All heavy atoms as atom14 arrays in JSON, in Angstrom:
{
  "sequence": "PFGTDNPAPNFLVEGHVDSFKQIGSEQQHVKFSLKNEESQLDAIG",
  "atom14_mask": [
    [1, 1, 1, 1, 1, 1, 1, 0, 0, 0, 0, 0, 0, 0],
    [1, 1, 1, 1, 1, 1, 1, 1, 1, 1, 1, 0, 0, 0],
    [1, 1, 1, 1, 0, 0, 0, 0, 0, 0, 0, 0, 0, 0],
    [1, 1, 1, 1, 1, 1, 1, 0, 0, 0, 0, 0, 0, 0],
    [1, 1, 1, 1, 1, 1, 1, 1, 0, 0, 0, 0, 0, 0],
    [1, 1, 1, 1, 1, 1, 1, 1, 0, 0, 0, 0, 0, 0],
    [1, 1, 1, 1, 1, 1, 1, 0, 0, 0, 0, 0, 0, 0],
    [1, 1, 1, 1, 1, 0, 0, 0, 0, 0, 0, 0, 0, 0],
    [1, 1, 1, 1, 1, 1, 1, 0, 0, 0, 0, 0, 0, 0],
    [1, 1, 1, 1, 1, 1, 1, 1, 0, 0, 0, 0, 0, 0],
    [1, 1, 1, 1, 1, 1, 1, 1, 1, 1, 1, 0, 0, 0],
    [1, 1, 1, 1, 1, 1, 1, 1, 0, 0, 0, 0, 0, 0],
    [1, 1, 1, 1, 1, 1, 1, 0, 0, 0, 0, 0, 0, 0],
    [1, 1, 1, 1, 1, 1, 1, 1, 1, 0, 0, 0, 0, 0],
    [1, 1, 1, 1, 0, 0, 0, 0, 0, 0, 0, 0, 0, 0],
    [1, 1, 1, 1, 1, 1, 1, 1, 1, 1, 0, 0, 0, 0],
    [1, 1, 1, 1, 1, 1, 1, 0, 0, 0, 0, 0, 0, 0],
    [1, 1, 1, 1, 1, 1, 1, 1, 0, 0, 0, 0, 0, 0],
    [1, 1, 1, 1, 1, 1, 0, 0, 0, 0, 0, 0, 0, 0],
    [1, 1, 1, 1, 1, 1, 1, 1, 1, 1, 1, 0, 0, 0],
    [1, 1, 1, 1, 1, 1, 1, 1, 1, 0, 0, 0, 0, 0],
    [1, 1, 1, 1, 1, 1, 1, 1, 1, 0, 0, 0, 0, 0],
    [1, 1, 1, 1, 1, 1, 1, 1, 0, 0, 0, 0, 0, 0],
    [1, 1, 1, 1, 0, 0, 0, 0, 0, 0, 0, 0, 0, 0],
    [1, 1, 1, 1, 1, 1, 0, 0, 0, 0, 0, 0, 0, 0],
    [1, 1, 1, 1, 1, 1, 1, 1, 1, 0, 0, 0, 0, 0],
    [1, 1, 1, 1, 1, 1, 1, 1, 1, 0, 0, 0, 0, 0],
    [1, 1, 1, 1, 1, 1, 1, 1, 1, 0, 0, 0, 0, 0],
    [1, 1, 1, 1, 1, 1, 1, 1, 1, 1, 0, 0, 0, 0],
    [1, 1, 1, 1, 1, 1, 1, 0, 0, 0, 0, 0, 0, 0],
    [1, 1, 1, 1, 1, 1, 1, 1, 1, 0, 0, 0, 0, 0],
    [1, 1, 1, 1, 1, 1, 1, 1, 1, 1, 1, 0, 0, 0],
    [1, 1, 1, 1, 1, 1, 0, 0, 0, 0, 0, 0, 0, 0],
    [1, 1, 1, 1, 1, 1, 1, 1, 0, 0, 0, 0, 0, 0],
    [1, 1, 1, 1, 1, 1, 1, 1, 1, 0, 0, 0, 0, 0],
    [1, 1, 1, 1, 1, 1, 1, 1, 0, 0, 0, 0, 0, 0],
    [1, 1, 1, 1, 1, 1, 1, 1, 1, 0, 0, 0, 0, 0],
    [1, 1, 1, 1, 1, 1, 1, 1, 1, 0, 0, 0, 0, 0],
    [1, 1, 1, 1, 1, 1, 0, 0, 0, 0, 0, 0, 0, 0],
    [1, 1, 1, 1, 1, 1, 1, 1, 1, 0, 0, 0, 0, 0],
    [1, 1, 1, 1, 1, 1, 1, 1, 0, 0, 0, 0, 0, 0],
    [1, 1, 1, 1, 1, 1, 1, 1, 0, 0, 0, 0, 0, 0],
    [1, 1, 1, 1, 1, 0, 0, 0, 0, 0, 0, 0, 0, 0],
    [1, 1, 1, 1, 1, 1, 1, 1, 0, 0, 0, 0, 0, 0],
    [1, 1, 1, 1, 0, 0, 0, 0, 0, 0, 0, 0, 0, 0]
  ],
  "atom14_positions": [
    [[92.4, 91.29, 83.54], [91.29, 92.35, 83.63], [90.41, 92.11, 84.85], [90.22, 91.07, 85.34], [90.57, 91.99, 82.28], [90.76, 90.56, 82.11], [92.21, 90.27, 82.54], [0.0, 0.0, 0.0], [0.0, 0.0, 0.0], [0.0, 0.0, 0.0], [0.0, 0.0, 0.0], [0.0, 0.0, 0.0], [0.0, 0.0, 0.0], [0.0, 0.0, 0.0]],
    [[89.89, 93.27, 85.42], [89.09, 93.3, 86.57], [87.54, 93.28, 86.25], [87.25, 93.67, 85.08], [89.47, 94.5, 87.39], [90.96, 94.5, 87.94], [91.69, 95.51, 87.43], [91.43, 93.58, 88.72], [93.07, 95.5, 87.81], [92.77, 93.57, 89.15], [93.62, 94.59, 88.73], [0.0, 0.0, 0.0], [0.0, 0.0, 0.0], [0.0, 0.0, 0.0]],
    [[86.78, 92.82, 87.12], [85.42, 92.73, 86.98], [84.68, 91.92, 88.11], [85.28, 91.7, 89.15], [0.0, 0.0, 0.0], [0.0, 0.0, 0.0], [0.0, 0.0, 0.0], [0.0, 0.0, 0.0], [0.0, 0.0, 0.0], [0.0, 0.0, 0.0], [0.0, 0.0, 0.0], [0.0, 0.0, 0.0], [0.0, 0.0, 0.0], [0.0, 0.0, 0.0]],
    [[83.53, 91.49, 87.85], [82.8, 90.8, 88.83], [83.62, 89.48, 89.29], [84.12, 88.82, 88.41], [81.43, 90.26, 88.23], [80.7, 91.47, 87.77], [80.57, 89.55, 89.29], [0.0, 0.0, 0.0], [0.0, 0.0, 0.0], [0.0, 0.0, 0.0], [0.0, 0.0, 0.0], [0.0, 0.0, 0.0], [0.0, 0.0, 0.0], [0.0, 0.0, 0.0]],
    [[83.73, 89.35, 90.54], [84.36, 88.27, 91.3], [85.91, 88.27, 91.01], [86.79, 87.41, 91.51], [84.04, 86.8, 90.57], [82.54, 86.5, 90.8], [82.01, 86.96, 91.84], [81.97, 85.85, 89.98], [0.0, 0.0, 0.0], [0.0, 0.0, 0.0], [0.0, 0.0, 0.0], [0.0, 0.0, 0.0], [0.0, 0.0, 0.0], [0.0, 0.0, 0.0]],
    [[86.43, 89.31, 90.37], [87.84, 89.65, 90.27], [88.06, 91.23, 90.29], [88.38, 91.74, 89.36], [88.52, 89.07, 89.09], [90.19, 89.28, 89.08], [90.72, 89.18, 89.99], [90.64, 89.78, 87.95], [0.0, 0.0, 0.0], [0.0, 0.0, 0.0], [0.0, 0.0, 0.0], [0.0, 0.0, 0.0], [0.0, 0.0, 0.0], [0.0, 0.0, 0.0]],
    [[87.6, 91.84, 91.42], [87.58, 93.32, 91.46], [88.98, 93.85, 91.5], [89.85, 93.18, 92.0], [86.8, 93.56, 92.78], [87.07, 92.26, 93.53], [87.14, 91.17, 92.68], [0.0, 0.0, 0.0], [0.0, 0.0, 0.0], [0.0, 0.0, 0.0], [0.0, 0.0, 0.0], [0.0, 0.0, 0.0], [0.0, 0.0, 0.0], [0.0, 0.0, 0.0]],
    [[89.13, 95.04, 91.05], [90.37, 95.66, 91.13], [90.64, 95.9, 92.59], [89.76, 96.1, 93.39], [90.35, 97.07, 90.49], [0.0, 0.0, 0.0], [0.0, 0.0, 0.0], [0.0, 0.0, 0.0], [0.0, 0.0, 0.0], [0.0, 0.0, 0.0], [0.0, 0.0, 0.0], [0.0, 0.0, 0.0], [0.0, 0.0, 0.0], [0.0, 0.0, 0.0]],
    [[91.95, 95.71, 93.07], [92.24, 95.94, 94.54], [91.82, 97.31, 95.01], [92.13, 98.21, 94.35], [93.71, 95.73, 94.55], [94.04, 94.94, 93.26], [93.06, 95.35, 92.29], [0.0, 0.0, 0.0], [0.0, 0.0, 0.0], [0.0, 0.0, 0.0], [0.0, 0.0, 0.0], [0.0, 0.0, 0.0], [0.0, 0.0, 0.0], [0.0, 0.0, 0.0]],
    [[91.11, 97.28, 96.21], [90.77, 98.58, 96.83], [91.61, 98.75, 97.97], [91.89, 97.83, 98.8], [89.26, 98.54, 97.27], [88.37, 98.53, 96.14], [88.63, 99.14, 95.06], [87.29, 97.84, 96.2], [0.0, 0.0, 0.0], [0.0, 0.0, 0.0], [0.0, 0.0, 0.0], [0.0, 0.0, 0.0], [0.0, 0.0, 0.0], [0.0, 0.0, 0.0]],
    [[92.13, 99.93, 98.25], [93.05, 100.25, 99.37], [92.46, 101.44, 100.19], [91.83, 102.34, 99.7], [94.38, 100.56, 98.84], [95.03, 99.5, 97.99], [94.99, 99.63, 96.59], [95.54, 98.41, 98.54], [95.53, 98.73, 95.83], [96.12, 97.4, 97.74], [96.2, 97.51, 96.4], [0.0, 0.0, 0.0], [0.0, 0.0, 0.0], [0.0, 0.0, 0.0]],
    [[92.86, 101.23, 101.5], [92.49, 102.35, 102.51], [93.76, 103.18, 102.57], [94.96, 102.62, 102.86], [92.0, 101.79, 103.74], [91.7, 102.83, 104.89], [90.62, 102.24, 105.75], [92.84, 103.36, 105.61], [0.0, 0.0, 0.0], [0.0, 0.0, 0.0], [0.0, 0.0, 0.0], [0.0, 0.0, 0.0], [0.0, 0.0, 0.0], [0.0, 0.0, 0.0]],
    [[93.63, 104.52, 102.36], [94.83, 105.44, 102.45], [94.34, 106.57, 103.39], [93.32, 107.04, 103.39], [95.39, 105.79, 101.1], [96.04, 104.74, 100.38], [94.32, 106.5, 100.35], [0.0, 0.0, 0.0], [0.0, 0.0, 0.0], [0.0, 0.0, 0.0], [0.0, 0.0, 0.0], [0.0, 0.0, 0.0], [0.0, 0.0, 0.0], [0.0, 0.0, 0.0]],
    [[95.33, 107.19, 103.99], [95.1, 108.39, 104.79], [96.2, 109.45, 104.54], [97.27, 109.14, 104.22], [95.11, 108.07, 106.29], [93.98, 107.08, 106.74], [94.0, 106.75, 108.17], [93.77, 107.69, 109.0], [94.27, 105.61, 108.48], [0.0, 0.0, 0.0], [0.0, 0.0, 0.0], [0.0, 0.0, 0.0], [0.0, 0.0, 0.0], [0.0, 0.0, 0.0]],
    [[95.86, 110.76, 104.69], [96.72, 111.8, 104.5], [96.06, 113.13, 104.55], [94.86, 113.23, 104.49], [0.0, 0.0, 0.0], [0.0, 0.0, 0.0], [0.0, 0.0, 0.0], [0.0, 0.0, 0.0], [0.0, 0.0, 0.0], [0.0, 0.0, 0.0], [0.0, 0.0, 0.0], [0.0, 0.0, 0.0], [0.0, 0.0, 0.0], [0.0, 0.0, 0.0]],
    [[96.85, 114.09, 104.61], [96.35, 115.46, 104.71], [95.8, 115.83, 103.3], [96.59, 115.77, 102.34], [97.43, 116.5, 105.28], [97.02, 117.98, 105.1], [95.98, 118.47, 105.69], [97.58, 118.83, 104.25], [95.9, 119.75, 105.44], [96.88, 119.98, 104.49], [0.0, 0.0, 0.0], [0.0, 0.0, 0.0], [0.0, 0.0, 0.0], [0.0, 0.0, 0.0]],
    [[94.66, 116.33, 103.19], [94.09, 116.84, 101.91], [94.7, 118.22, 101.48], [94.74, 119.1, 102.29], [92.52, 116.89, 101.88], [91.97, 117.45, 100.54], [91.99, 115.53, 102.06], [0.0, 0.0, 0.0], [0.0, 0.0, 0.0], [0.0, 0.0, 0.0], [0.0, 0.0, 0.0], [0.0, 0.0, 0.0], [0.0, 0.0, 0.0], [0.0, 0.0, 0.0]],
    [[95.27, 118.26, 100.28], [96.04, 119.51, 99.83], [95.57, 119.63, 98.37], [95.2, 118.76, 97.62], [97.41, 119.28, 99.94], [98.18, 120.52, 99.77], [97.8, 121.54, 100.26], [99.24, 120.54, 98.9], [0.0, 0.0, 0.0], [0.0, 0.0, 0.0], [0.0, 0.0, 0.0], [0.0, 0.0, 0.0], [0.0, 0.0, 0.0], [0.0, 0.0, 0.0]],
    [[95.64, 121.01, 97.98], [95.51, 121.35, 96.44], [94.2, 120.87, 95.94], [94.02, 120.34, 94.83], [96.61, 120.77, 95.55], [97.81, 121.09, 96.07], [0.0, 0.0, 0.0], [0.0, 0.0, 0.0], [0.0, 0.0, 0.0], [0.0, 0.0, 0.0], [0.0, 0.0, 0.0], [0.0, 0.0, 0.0], [0.0, 0.0, 0.0], [0.0, 0.0, 0.0]],
    [[93.11, 121.0, 96.84], [91.86, 120.55, 96.54], [91.01, 121.56, 95.57], [91.12, 122.76, 95.73], [90.89, 120.53, 97.87], [89.51, 119.82, 97.61], [89.34, 118.55, 97.73], [88.52, 120.67, 97.22], [88.13, 117.88, 97.63], [87.32, 120.07, 96.9], [87.07, 118.73, 97.22], [0.0, 0.0, 0.0], [0.0, 0.0, 0.0], [0.0, 0.0, 0.0]],
    [[90.46, 120.89, 94.56], [89.69, 121.73, 93.6], [88.54, 120.87, 92.88], [88.66, 119.63, 92.91], [90.52, 122.31, 92.52], [91.22, 121.34, 91.6], [92.2, 122.03, 90.62], [92.92, 121.02, 89.69], [93.77, 121.66, 88.77], [0.0, 0.0, 0.0], [0.0, 0.0, 0.0], [0.0, 0.0, 0.0], [0.0, 0.0, 0.0], [0.0, 0.0, 0.0]],
    [[87.4, 121.5, 92.75], [86.25, 120.82, 91.94], [86.47, 121.09, 90.49], [86.84, 122.2, 90.03], [85.05, 121.48, 92.52], [84.61, 120.95, 93.95], [83.31, 121.56, 94.4], [83.24, 122.27, 95.32], [82.23, 121.15, 93.66], [0.0, 0.0, 0.0], [0.0, 0.0, 0.0], [0.0, 0.0, 0.0], [0.0, 0.0, 0.0], [0.0, 0.0, 0.0]],
    [[86.19, 120.1, 89.67], [86.39, 120.05, 88.29], [85.07, 119.63, 87.64], [84.22, 119.06, 88.14], [87.5, 119.27, 87.82], [87.43, 117.8, 88.26], [88.89, 119.87, 88.29], [88.59, 116.87, 87.82], [0.0, 0.0, 0.0], [0.0, 0.0, 0.0], [0.0, 0.0, 0.0], [0.0, 0.0, 0.0], [0.0, 0.0, 0.0], [0.0, 0.0, 0.0]],
    [[84.96, 119.65, 86.33], [83.88, 119.18, 85.53], [83.0, 120.44, 85.13], [83.02, 121.54, 85.77], [0.0, 0.0, 0.0], [0.0, 0.0, 0.0], [0.0, 0.0, 0.0], [0.0, 0.0, 0.0], [0.0, 0.0, 0.0], [0.0, 0.0, 0.0], [0.0, 0.0, 0.0], [0.0, 0.0, 0.0], [0.0, 0.0, 0.0], [0.0, 0.0, 0.0]],
    [[82.06, 120.25, 84.18], [81.33, 121.42, 83.66], [80.4, 121.87, 84.75], [79.95, 123.03, 84.71], [80.39, 120.87, 82.46], [79.64, 119.82, 82.85], [0.0, 0.0, 0.0], [0.0, 0.0, 0.0], [0.0, 0.0, 0.0], [0.0, 0.0, 0.0], [0.0, 0.0, 0.0], [0.0, 0.0, 0.0], [0.0, 0.0, 0.0], [0.0, 0.0, 0.0]],
    [[79.98, 121.06, 85.64], [79.11, 121.57, 86.76], [79.67, 121.24, 88.18], [79.1, 121.11, 89.15], [77.74, 120.69, 86.71], [77.0, 120.94, 85.39], [75.76, 120.22, 85.37], [75.38, 119.47, 86.4], [75.01, 120.29, 84.32], [0.0, 0.0, 0.0], [0.0, 0.0, 0.0], [0.0, 0.0, 0.0], [0.0, 0.0, 0.0], [0.0, 0.0, 0.0]],
    [[81.13, 121.26, 88.12], [81.84, 121.15, 89.39], [81.44, 119.8, 90.06], [81.51, 119.73, 91.24], [81.68, 122.37, 90.32], [81.95, 123.65, 89.68], [83.43, 123.95, 89.56], [84.05, 124.14, 90.47], [84.0, 123.7, 88.37], [0.0, 0.0, 0.0], [0.0, 0.0, 0.0], [0.0, 0.0, 0.0], [0.0, 0.0, 0.0], [0.0, 0.0, 0.0]],
    [[81.14, 118.82, 89.28], [80.6, 117.48, 89.89], [81.76, 116.59, 90.27], [81.51, 115.65, 91.06], [79.74, 116.88, 88.85], [80.41, 116.27, 87.6], [80.49, 117.26, 86.47], [80.84, 118.3, 86.68], [80.16, 116.75, 85.25], [0.0, 0.0, 0.0], [0.0, 0.0, 0.0], [0.0, 0.0, 0.0], [0.0, 0.0, 0.0], [0.0, 0.0, 0.0]],
    [[82.98, 116.89, 89.86], [84.17, 115.91, 90.25], [85.08, 116.63, 91.13], [85.04, 117.93, 91.26], [84.77, 115.37, 89.03], [83.9, 114.98, 87.96], [82.87, 114.01, 88.31], [83.72, 115.21, 86.65], [82.21, 113.76, 87.1], [82.69, 114.39, 86.15], [0.0, 0.0, 0.0], [0.0, 0.0, 0.0], [0.0, 0.0, 0.0], [0.0, 0.0, 0.0]],
    [[86.02, 115.95, 91.83], [86.98, 116.56, 92.7], [88.29, 116.07, 92.32], [88.53, 114.89, 91.89], [86.68, 116.41, 94.15], [85.43, 116.97, 94.63], [86.68, 114.86, 94.57], [0.0, 0.0, 0.0], [0.0, 0.0, 0.0], [0.0, 0.0, 0.0], [0.0, 0.0, 0.0], [0.0, 0.0, 0.0], [0.0, 0.0, 0.0], [0.0, 0.0, 0.0]],
    [[89.36, 116.9, 92.58], [90.76, 116.43, 92.3], [91.56, 117.05, 93.5], [91.42, 118.2, 93.79], [91.28, 116.94, 90.99], [92.54, 116.3, 90.5], [92.82, 116.73, 89.1], [94.13, 116.15, 88.49], [94.04, 114.73, 88.53], [0.0, 0.0, 0.0], [0.0, 0.0, 0.0], [0.0, 0.0, 0.0], [0.0, 0.0, 0.0], [0.0, 0.0, 0.0]],
    [[92.43, 116.28, 94.11], [93.19, 116.74, 95.24], [94.45, 115.79, 95.39], [94.63, 114.86, 94.65], [92.26, 116.81, 96.52], [91.77, 115.48, 96.94], [92.31, 114.63, 97.79], [90.57, 115.07, 96.36], [91.75, 113.4, 98.12], [90.03, 113.84, 96.74], [90.56, 112.95, 97.62], [0.0, 0.0, 0.0], [0.0, 0.0, 0.0], [0.0, 0.0, 0.0]],
    [[95.23, 116.17, 96.48], [96.47, 115.42, 96.72], [96.36, 115.04, 98.26], [95.68, 115.68, 99.01], [97.72, 116.25, 96.67], [97.91, 116.49, 95.15], [0.0, 0.0, 0.0], [0.0, 0.0, 0.0], [0.0, 0.0, 0.0], [0.0, 0.0, 0.0], [0.0, 0.0, 0.0], [0.0, 0.0, 0.0], [0.0, 0.0, 0.0], [0.0, 0.0, 0.0]],
    [[96.81, 113.86, 98.49], [96.94, 113.32, 99.79], [98.43, 113.47, 100.24], [99.32, 112.83, 99.48], [96.46, 111.9, 100.09], [94.9, 111.7, 99.88], [94.6, 110.23, 100.0], [94.27, 112.44, 101.1], [0.0, 0.0, 0.0], [0.0, 0.0, 0.0], [0.0, 0.0, 0.0], [0.0, 0.0, 0.0], [0.0, 0.0, 0.0], [0.0, 0.0, 0.0]],
    [[98.83, 114.05, 101.36], [100.23, 114.32, 101.71], [100.48, 113.89, 103.1], [99.55, 113.93, 104.02], [100.54, 115.76, 101.6], [100.64, 116.26, 100.19], [101.14, 117.69, 100.21], [101.39, 118.29, 98.84], [101.91, 119.65, 98.81], [0.0, 0.0, 0.0], [0.0, 0.0, 0.0], [0.0, 0.0, 0.0], [0.0, 0.0, 0.0], [0.0, 0.0, 0.0]],
    [[101.65, 113.49, 103.43], [102.22, 113.45, 104.79], [103.7, 113.99, 104.65], [104.01, 114.57, 103.64], [102.15, 112.01, 105.36], [102.95, 110.95, 104.47], [103.84, 111.32, 103.74], [102.67, 109.74, 104.63], [0.0, 0.0, 0.0], [0.0, 0.0, 0.0], [0.0, 0.0, 0.0], [0.0, 0.0, 0.0], [0.0, 0.0, 0.0], [0.0, 0.0, 0.0]],
    [[104.39, 113.78, 105.76], [105.78, 114.4, 105.87], [106.67, 113.82, 104.76], [107.63, 114.53, 104.28], [106.46, 114.11, 107.19], [105.71, 114.72, 108.32], [104.4, 113.91, 108.79], [104.33, 112.8, 108.29], [103.68, 114.48, 109.63], [0.0, 0.0, 0.0], [0.0, 0.0, 0.0], [0.0, 0.0, 0.0], [0.0, 0.0, 0.0], [0.0, 0.0, 0.0]],
    [[106.37, 112.67, 104.22], [107.27, 112.01, 103.31], [106.69, 111.8, 101.87], [107.56, 111.85, 100.95], [107.58, 110.57, 103.79], [108.07, 110.52, 105.35], [108.07, 108.98, 105.75], [107.46, 108.19, 105.19], [108.77, 108.8, 106.81], [0.0, 0.0, 0.0], [0.0, 0.0, 0.0], [0.0, 0.0, 0.0], [0.0, 0.0, 0.0], [0.0, 0.0, 0.0]],
    [[105.51, 111.61, 101.8], [104.86, 111.33, 100.44], [103.68, 112.14, 100.02], [103.12, 112.79, 100.87], [104.54, 109.8, 100.36], [105.68, 109.03, 100.85], [0.0, 0.0, 0.0], [0.0, 0.0, 0.0], [0.0, 0.0, 0.0], [0.0, 0.0, 0.0], [0.0, 0.0, 0.0], [0.0, 0.0, 0.0], [0.0, 0.0, 0.0], [0.0, 0.0, 0.0]],
    [[103.34, 111.97, 98.71], [102.23, 112.65, 98.13], [101.58, 111.65, 97.12], [102.27, 111.0, 96.39], [102.52, 113.98, 97.52], [101.43, 114.62, 96.68], [101.87, 115.94, 96.12], [102.65, 116.66, 96.65], [101.25, 116.16, 94.84], [0.0, 0.0, 0.0], [0.0, 0.0, 0.0], [0.0, 0.0, 0.0], [0.0, 0.0, 0.0], [0.0, 0.0, 0.0]],
    [[100.24, 111.7, 97.11], [99.53, 110.93, 96.21], [98.28, 111.7, 95.58], [97.58, 112.32, 96.33], [98.84, 109.58, 96.88], [97.98, 108.75, 96.02], [98.67, 108.08, 94.91], [97.26, 107.71, 97.0], [0.0, 0.0, 0.0], [0.0, 0.0, 0.0], [0.0, 0.0, 0.0], [0.0, 0.0, 0.0], [0.0, 0.0, 0.0], [0.0, 0.0, 0.0]],
    [[98.25, 111.77, 94.23], [97.19, 112.42, 93.52], [95.86, 111.53, 93.71], [95.98, 110.34, 93.78], [97.47, 112.76, 92.11], [98.57, 113.71, 91.93], [98.74, 114.42, 92.83], [99.1, 113.77, 90.74], [0.0, 0.0, 0.0], [0.0, 0.0, 0.0], [0.0, 0.0, 0.0], [0.0, 0.0, 0.0], [0.0, 0.0, 0.0], [0.0, 0.0, 0.0]],
    [[94.72, 112.21, 93.79], [93.51, 111.55, 93.82], [92.48, 112.19, 93.03], [92.52, 113.53, 92.79], [93.05, 111.47, 95.37], [0.0, 0.0, 0.0], [0.0, 0.0, 0.0], [0.0, 0.0, 0.0], [0.0, 0.0, 0.0], [0.0, 0.0, 0.0], [0.0, 0.0, 0.0], [0.0, 0.0, 0.0], [0.0, 0.0, 0.0], [0.0, 0.0, 0.0]],
    [[91.49, 111.4, 92.47], [90.46, 111.96, 91.74], [89.08, 111.26, 92.17], [89.1, 110.03, 92.41], [90.61, 111.86, 90.21], [89.53, 112.71, 89.39], [90.69, 110.4, 89.75], [89.92, 112.87, 88.07], [0.0, 0.0, 0.0], [0.0, 0.0, 0.0], [0.0, 0.0, 0.0], [0.0, 0.0, 0.0], [0.0, 0.0, 0.0], [0.0, 0.0, 0.0]],
    [[88.05, 112.04, 92.29], [86.76, 111.47, 92.68], [85.64, 111.85, 91.76], [85.35, 113.02, 91.71], [0.0, 0.0, 0.0], [0.0, 0.0, 0.0], [0.0, 0.0, 0.0], [0.0, 0.0, 0.0], [0.0, 0.0, 0.0], [0.0, 0.0, 0.0], [0.0, 0.0, 0.0], [0.0, 0.0, 0.0], [0.0, 0.0, 0.0], [0.0, 0.0, 0.0]]
  ]
}
């Protein structure tokens, strides 16, 4: 389990933002994909 002094690993990633949309009752969150020529990664903020 992660927590203080044992944080979940954080990673830096880059890619073209695609399929971007705002979600939540007040559009307070975002959901999108990061893409390049080979791969795709879903993301939520």
